Amino acid sequence: MVRLFWVLKGGGFRVFLLSGRDEEALGASTAANLAAAGFAGYDRLILRSAGYRGQSSVVFKSAERRRLAAEEYRIRGNVGDQWSDLQGDNAGDRVFKVPNPMYFVP
């Protein structure tokens, strides 16, 4: 994924990272883990705020993608390891499901 990230960055794409992880509890460690894995220079890391606790991933991620669209970004591609990453509003022109043998988010 980090290679794809850098190819996209090199091609002039703006990259936003959208995760269902809790912003308050896991924000700092998520950012540190991304940096350690080689992800740097992304436009924004979007994590689940307190207002979305208890709501489904599809609801949260759809709302955040709508917000990006309202900021006049076009979502050309959406990559996720869970189907819930790729469903809902403003999923993008293309969606790419990558395997995750470790866990499933309904």
N, C-alpha and C. Protein backbone atom coordinates (compact mmCIF):
# COMPACT_ATOMS: atom_id res chain seq x y z
N MET A 1 0.81 -1.20 0.00
CA MET A 1 0.00 0.00 0.00
C MET A 1 0.85 1.26 0.00
N VAL A 2 1.98 1.20 0.70
CA VAL A 2 2.82 2.40 0.74
C VAL A 2 3.37 2.72 -0.66
N ARG A 3 3.66 1.69 -1.45
CA ARG A 3 4.12 1.96 -2.83
C ARG A 3 3.02 2.63 -3.64
N LEU A 4 1.80 2.12 -3.52
CA LEU A 4 0.67 2.75 -4.22
C LEU A 4 0.49 4.19 -3.76
N PHE A 5 0.58 4.41 -2.48
CA PHE A 5 0.46 5.76 -1.92
C PHE A 5 1.45 6.71 -2.61
N TRP A 6 2.72 6.28 -2.71
CA TRP A 6 3.73 7.16 -3.29
C TRP A 6 3.56 7.32 -4.80
N VAL A 7 3.07 6.30 -5.48
CA VAL A 7 2.77 6.43 -6.91
C VAL A 7 1.67 7.48 -7.11
N LEU A 8 0.64 7.40 -6.30
CA LEU A 8 -0.45 8.38 -6.40
C LEU A 8 0.03 9.78 -6.09
N LYS A 9 0.80 9.92 -5.01
CA LYS A 9 1.36 11.24 -4.67
C LYS A 9 2.22 11.77 -5.80
N GLY A 10 3.05 10.89 -6.37
CA GLY A 10 3.92 11.29 -7.48
C GLY A 10 3.15 11.67 -8.73
N GLY A 11 1.94 11.11 -8.87
CA GLY A 11 1.09 11.44 -10.01
C GLY A 11 0.23 12.67 -9.80
N GLY A 12 0.41 13.33 -8.68
CA GLY A 12 -0.31 14.57 -8.42
C GLY A 12 -1.65 14.41 -7.73
N PHE A 13 -1.97 13.19 -7.30
CA PHE A 13 -3.23 12.98 -6.60
C PHE A 13 -3.14 13.49 -5.16
N ARG A 14 -4.24 14.01 -4.67
CA ARG A 14 -4.36 14.37 -3.26
C ARG A 14 -4.81 13.11 -2.54
N VAL A 15 -4.21 12.78 -1.42
CA VAL A 15 -4.51 11.54 -0.71
C VAL A 15 -5.05 11.86 0.69
N PHE A 16 -6.23 11.32 0.96
CA PHE A 16 -6.88 11.45 2.25
C PHE A 16 -6.98 10.06 2.85
N LEU A 17 -6.68 9.92 4.11
CA LEU A 17 -6.77 8.64 4.80
C LEU A 17 -7.97 8.70 5.73
N LEU A 18 -8.93 7.81 5.51
CA LEU A 18 -10.18 7.80 6.26
C LEU A 18 -10.29 6.47 7.00
N SER A 19 -10.33 6.54 8.31
CA SER A 19 -10.35 5.34 9.14
C SER A 19 -11.46 5.42 10.17
N GLY A 20 -12.04 4.29 10.48
CA GLY A 20 -13.05 4.20 11.52
C GLY A 20 -12.47 4.17 12.92
N ARG A 21 -11.15 4.28 13.05
CA ARG A 21 -10.53 4.30 14.37
C ARG A 21 -10.97 5.53 15.15
N ASP A 22 -11.09 5.37 16.45
CA ASP A 22 -11.51 6.45 17.32
C ASP A 22 -10.41 7.51 17.40
N GLU A 23 -10.77 8.74 17.07
CA GLU A 23 -9.81 9.84 17.03
C GLU A 23 -9.19 10.11 18.40
N GLU A 24 -10.01 10.14 19.42
CA GLU A 24 -9.53 10.47 20.76
C GLU A 24 -8.60 9.39 21.31
N ALA A 25 -9.00 8.14 21.20
CA ALA A 25 -8.23 7.05 21.79
C ALA A 25 -7.04 6.62 20.95
N LEU A 26 -7.18 6.69 19.62
CA LEU A 26 -6.16 6.10 18.75
C LEU A 26 -5.53 7.07 17.76
N GLY A 27 -5.87 8.34 17.84
CA GLY A 27 -5.37 9.31 16.86
C GLY A 27 -3.85 9.41 16.81
N ALA A 28 -3.24 9.61 17.96
CA ALA A 28 -1.78 9.78 17.99
C ALA A 28 -1.06 8.50 17.57
N SER A 29 -1.50 7.36 18.07
CA SER A 29 -0.82 6.11 17.70
C SER A 29 -1.04 5.76 16.24
N THR A 30 -2.20 6.08 15.70
CA THR A 30 -2.45 5.83 14.27
C THR A 30 -1.51 6.67 13.41
N ALA A 31 -1.39 7.95 13.73
CA ALA A 31 -0.48 8.82 12.97
C ALA A 31 0.96 8.34 13.08
N ALA A 32 1.36 7.91 14.26
CA ALA A 32 2.73 7.41 14.45
C ALA A 32 2.96 6.12 13.67
N ASN A 33 1.98 5.22 13.68
CA ASN A 33 2.11 3.98 12.92
C ASN A 33 2.20 4.24 11.43
N LEU A 34 1.40 5.18 10.94
CA LEU A 34 1.46 5.53 9.51
C LEU A 34 2.84 6.09 9.15
N ALA A 35 3.35 6.97 9.97
CA ALA A 35 4.67 7.54 9.71
C ALA A 35 5.74 6.45 9.71
N ALA A 36 5.67 5.54 10.68
CA ALA A 36 6.65 4.46 10.76
C ALA A 36 6.58 3.54 9.55
N ALA A 37 5.41 3.42 8.95
CA ALA A 37 5.24 2.55 7.77
C ALA A 37 5.60 3.26 6.47
N GLY A 38 5.91 4.56 6.54
CA GLY A 38 6.34 5.28 5.35
C GLY A 38 5.30 6.18 4.72
N PHE A 39 4.17 6.35 5.39
CA PHE A 39 3.14 7.25 4.88
C PHE A 39 3.40 8.64 5.44
N ALA A 40 3.74 9.56 4.56
CA ALA A 40 3.99 10.94 4.97
C ALA A 40 3.53 11.86 3.85
N GLY A 41 3.03 13.01 4.21
CA GLY A 41 2.62 13.97 3.20
C GLY A 41 1.22 13.76 2.67
N TYR A 42 0.41 12.96 3.36
CA TYR A 42 -0.99 12.84 2.96
C TYR A 42 -1.70 14.14 3.30
N ASP A 43 -2.80 14.37 2.66
CA ASP A 43 -3.50 15.64 2.85
C ASP A 43 -4.20 15.72 4.20
N ARG A 44 -4.83 14.62 4.60
CA ARG A 44 -5.55 14.66 5.86
C ARG A 44 -5.78 13.23 6.35
N LEU A 45 -5.63 13.04 7.63
CA LEU A 45 -6.00 11.79 8.29
C LEU A 45 -7.33 12.06 8.99
N ILE A 46 -8.37 11.34 8.57
CA ILE A 46 -9.71 11.55 9.11
C ILE A 46 -10.07 10.33 9.94
N LEU A 47 -10.30 10.56 11.23
CA LEU A 47 -10.65 9.49 12.16
C LEU A 47 -12.04 9.75 12.74
N ARG A 48 -12.63 8.72 13.31
CA ARG A 48 -13.99 8.82 13.86
C ARG A 48 -13.99 9.72 15.09
N SER A 49 -14.75 10.79 14.99
CA SER A 49 -14.88 11.71 16.13
C SER A 49 -15.96 11.20 17.07
N ALA A 50 -16.04 11.81 18.24
CA ALA A 50 -17.00 11.39 19.26
C ALA A 50 -18.44 11.43 18.74
N GLY A 51 -18.74 12.35 17.84
CA GLY A 51 -20.09 12.47 17.30
C GLY A 51 -20.54 11.27 16.50
N TYR A 52 -19.60 10.46 16.05
CA TYR A 52 -19.93 9.28 15.24
C TYR A 52 -19.81 7.97 16.02
N ARG A 53 -19.49 8.03 17.28
CA ARG A 53 -19.41 6.79 18.07
C ARG A 53 -20.76 6.10 18.07
N GLY A 54 -20.73 4.79 17.87
CA GLY A 54 -21.96 4.00 17.86
C GLY A 54 -22.64 3.93 16.52
N GLN A 55 -22.19 4.72 15.55
CA GLN A 55 -22.76 4.67 14.21
C GLN A 55 -21.93 3.74 13.34
N SER A 56 -22.54 3.20 12.31
CA SER A 56 -21.85 2.25 11.45
C SER A 56 -20.72 2.93 10.67
N SER A 57 -19.79 2.13 10.22
CA SER A 57 -18.68 2.63 9.41
C SER A 57 -19.20 3.26 8.13
N VAL A 58 -20.23 2.65 7.54
CA VAL A 58 -20.78 3.19 6.29
C VAL A 58 -21.34 4.59 6.52
N VAL A 59 -22.06 4.80 7.60
CA VAL A 59 -22.63 6.12 7.91
C VAL A 59 -21.50 7.13 8.12
N PHE A 60 -20.54 6.78 8.95
CA PHE A 60 -19.42 7.69 9.23
C PHE A 60 -18.63 8.03 7.97
N LYS A 61 -18.23 7.00 7.23
CA LYS A 61 -17.37 7.24 6.06
C LYS A 61 -18.11 7.95 4.94
N SER A 62 -19.40 7.66 4.78
CA SER A 62 -20.20 8.39 3.79
C SER A 62 -20.25 9.88 4.12
N ALA A 63 -20.47 10.19 5.38
CA ALA A 63 -20.54 11.59 5.81
C ALA A 63 -19.22 12.30 5.55
N GLU A 64 -18.12 11.63 5.84
CA GLU A 64 -16.81 12.26 5.63
C GLU A 64 -16.51 12.43 4.13
N ARG A 65 -16.92 11.47 3.32
CA ARG A 65 -16.73 11.62 1.87
C ARG A 65 -17.61 12.73 1.32
N ARG A 66 -18.83 12.87 1.85
CA ARG A 66 -19.69 14.00 1.45
C ARG A 66 -19.03 15.32 1.80
N ARG A 67 -18.39 15.36 2.98
CA ARG A 67 -17.69 16.58 3.40
C ARG A 67 -16.56 16.92 2.42
N LEU A 68 -15.81 15.91 2.02
CA LEU A 68 -14.74 16.15 1.04
C LEU A 68 -15.31 16.65 -0.29
N ALA A 69 -16.42 16.05 -0.72
CA ALA A 69 -17.07 16.50 -1.96
C ALA A 69 -17.54 17.94 -1.83
N ALA A 70 -18.05 18.31 -0.66
CA ALA A 70 -18.49 19.69 -0.42
C ALA A 70 -17.32 20.66 -0.48
N GLU A 71 -16.12 20.16 -0.19
CA GLU A 71 -14.90 20.98 -0.30
C GLU A 71 -14.37 20.97 -1.73
N GLU A 72 -15.15 20.38 -2.63
CA GLU A 72 -14.88 20.33 -4.07
C GLU A 72 -13.76 19.38 -4.46
N TYR A 73 -13.53 18.36 -3.65
CA TYR A 73 -12.64 17.27 -4.04
C TYR A 73 -13.48 16.24 -4.78
N ARG A 74 -12.89 15.63 -5.80
CA ARG A 74 -13.52 14.52 -6.51
C ARG A 74 -12.81 13.25 -6.08
N ILE A 75 -13.57 12.28 -5.68
CA ILE A 75 -12.97 11.01 -5.24
C ILE A 75 -12.84 10.12 -6.46
N ARG A 76 -11.62 9.98 -6.93
CA ARG A 76 -11.34 9.19 -8.13
C ARG A 76 -11.21 7.72 -7.80
N GLY A 77 -10.65 7.42 -6.65
CA GLY A 77 -10.48 6.04 -6.25
C GLY A 77 -10.62 5.91 -4.75
N ASN A 78 -11.09 4.75 -4.33
CA ASN A 78 -11.30 4.48 -2.92
C ASN A 78 -10.78 3.07 -2.67
N VAL A 79 -9.81 2.95 -1.79
CA VAL A 79 -9.20 1.65 -1.48
C VAL A 79 -9.53 1.30 -0.04
N GLY A 80 -10.00 0.07 0.18
CA GLY A 80 -10.31 -0.35 1.53
C GLY A 80 -10.19 -1.84 1.70
N ASP A 81 -10.02 -2.26 2.94
CA ASP A 81 -9.92 -3.69 3.23
C ASP A 81 -11.22 -4.25 3.76
N GLN A 82 -12.23 -3.41 3.92
CA GLN A 82 -13.54 -3.84 4.38
C GLN A 82 -14.59 -3.34 3.39
N TRP A 83 -15.64 -4.11 3.18
CA TRP A 83 -16.69 -3.66 2.27
C TRP A 83 -17.30 -2.36 2.77
N SER A 84 -17.36 -2.18 4.08
CA SER A 84 -17.94 -0.96 4.62
C SER A 84 -17.12 0.28 4.25
N ASP A 85 -15.86 0.10 3.86
CA ASP A 85 -15.03 1.22 3.39
C ASP A 85 -15.51 1.73 2.04
N LEU A 86 -16.15 0.86 1.30
CA LEU A 86 -16.43 1.13 -0.12
C LEU A 86 -17.90 1.33 -0.41
N GLN A 87 -18.73 1.33 0.61
CA GLN A 87 -20.17 1.46 0.43
C GLN A 87 -20.64 2.83 0.87
N GLY A 88 -21.86 3.17 0.49
CA GLY A 88 -22.45 4.43 0.90
C GLY A 88 -22.25 5.53 -0.11
N ASP A 89 -22.47 6.75 0.33
CA ASP A 89 -22.41 7.92 -0.55
C ASP A 89 -20.98 8.27 -0.94
N ASN A 90 -20.85 8.80 -2.15
CA ASN A 90 -19.57 9.33 -2.64
C ASN A 90 -18.43 8.33 -2.48
N ALA A 91 -18.67 7.09 -2.83
CA ALA A 91 -17.63 6.06 -2.67
C ALA A 91 -16.47 6.28 -3.62
N GLY A 92 -16.68 7.00 -4.70
CA GLY A 92 -15.61 7.27 -5.65
C GLY A 92 -15.92 6.70 -7.02
N ASP A 93 -15.15 7.16 -8.01
CA ASP A 93 -15.32 6.67 -9.37
C ASP A 93 -14.99 5.19 -9.47
N ARG A 94 -13.99 4.77 -8.74
CA ARG A 94 -13.58 3.36 -8.71
C ARG A 94 -13.34 2.96 -7.26
N VAL A 95 -13.70 1.74 -6.94
CA VAL A 95 -13.42 1.21 -5.60
C VAL A 95 -12.56 -0.04 -5.74
N PHE A 96 -11.67 -0.21 -4.80
CA PHE A 96 -10.72 -1.32 -4.82
C PHE A 96 -10.71 -1.99 -3.45
N LYS A 97 -11.16 -3.23 -3.41
CA LYS A 97 -11.20 -4.00 -2.16
C LYS A 97 -9.92 -4.82 -2.08
N VAL A 98 -9.16 -4.60 -1.04
CA VAL A 98 -7.95 -5.39 -0.81
C VAL A 98 -8.24 -6.41 0.30
N PRO A 99 -7.63 -7.57 0.23
CA PRO A 99 -7.93 -8.61 1.23
C PRO A 99 -7.41 -8.26 2.62
N ASN A 100 -8.14 -8.74 3.60
CA ASN A 100 -7.71 -8.62 5.00
C ASN A 100 -8.11 -9.92 5.69
N PRO A 101 -7.17 -10.83 5.86
CA PRO A 101 -7.51 -12.10 6.49
C PRO A 101 -7.61 -12.03 8.03
N MET A 102 -7.34 -10.86 8.60
CA MET A 102 -7.28 -10.74 10.05
C MET A 102 -8.63 -10.45 10.70
N TYR A 103 -9.45 -9.61 10.08
CA TYR A 103 -10.72 -9.26 10.70
C TYR A 103 -11.72 -8.75 9.65
N PHE A 104 -13.00 -8.75 10.05
CA PHE A 104 -14.10 -8.28 9.20
C PHE A 104 -14.92 -7.29 10.00
N VAL A 105 -15.23 -6.15 9.37
CA VAL A 105 -16.10 -5.15 10.00
C VAL A 105 -17.44 -5.21 9.28
N PRO A 106 -18.51 -5.54 10.01
CA PRO A 106 -19.83 -5.63 9.35
C PRO A 106 -20.37 -4.26 8.96
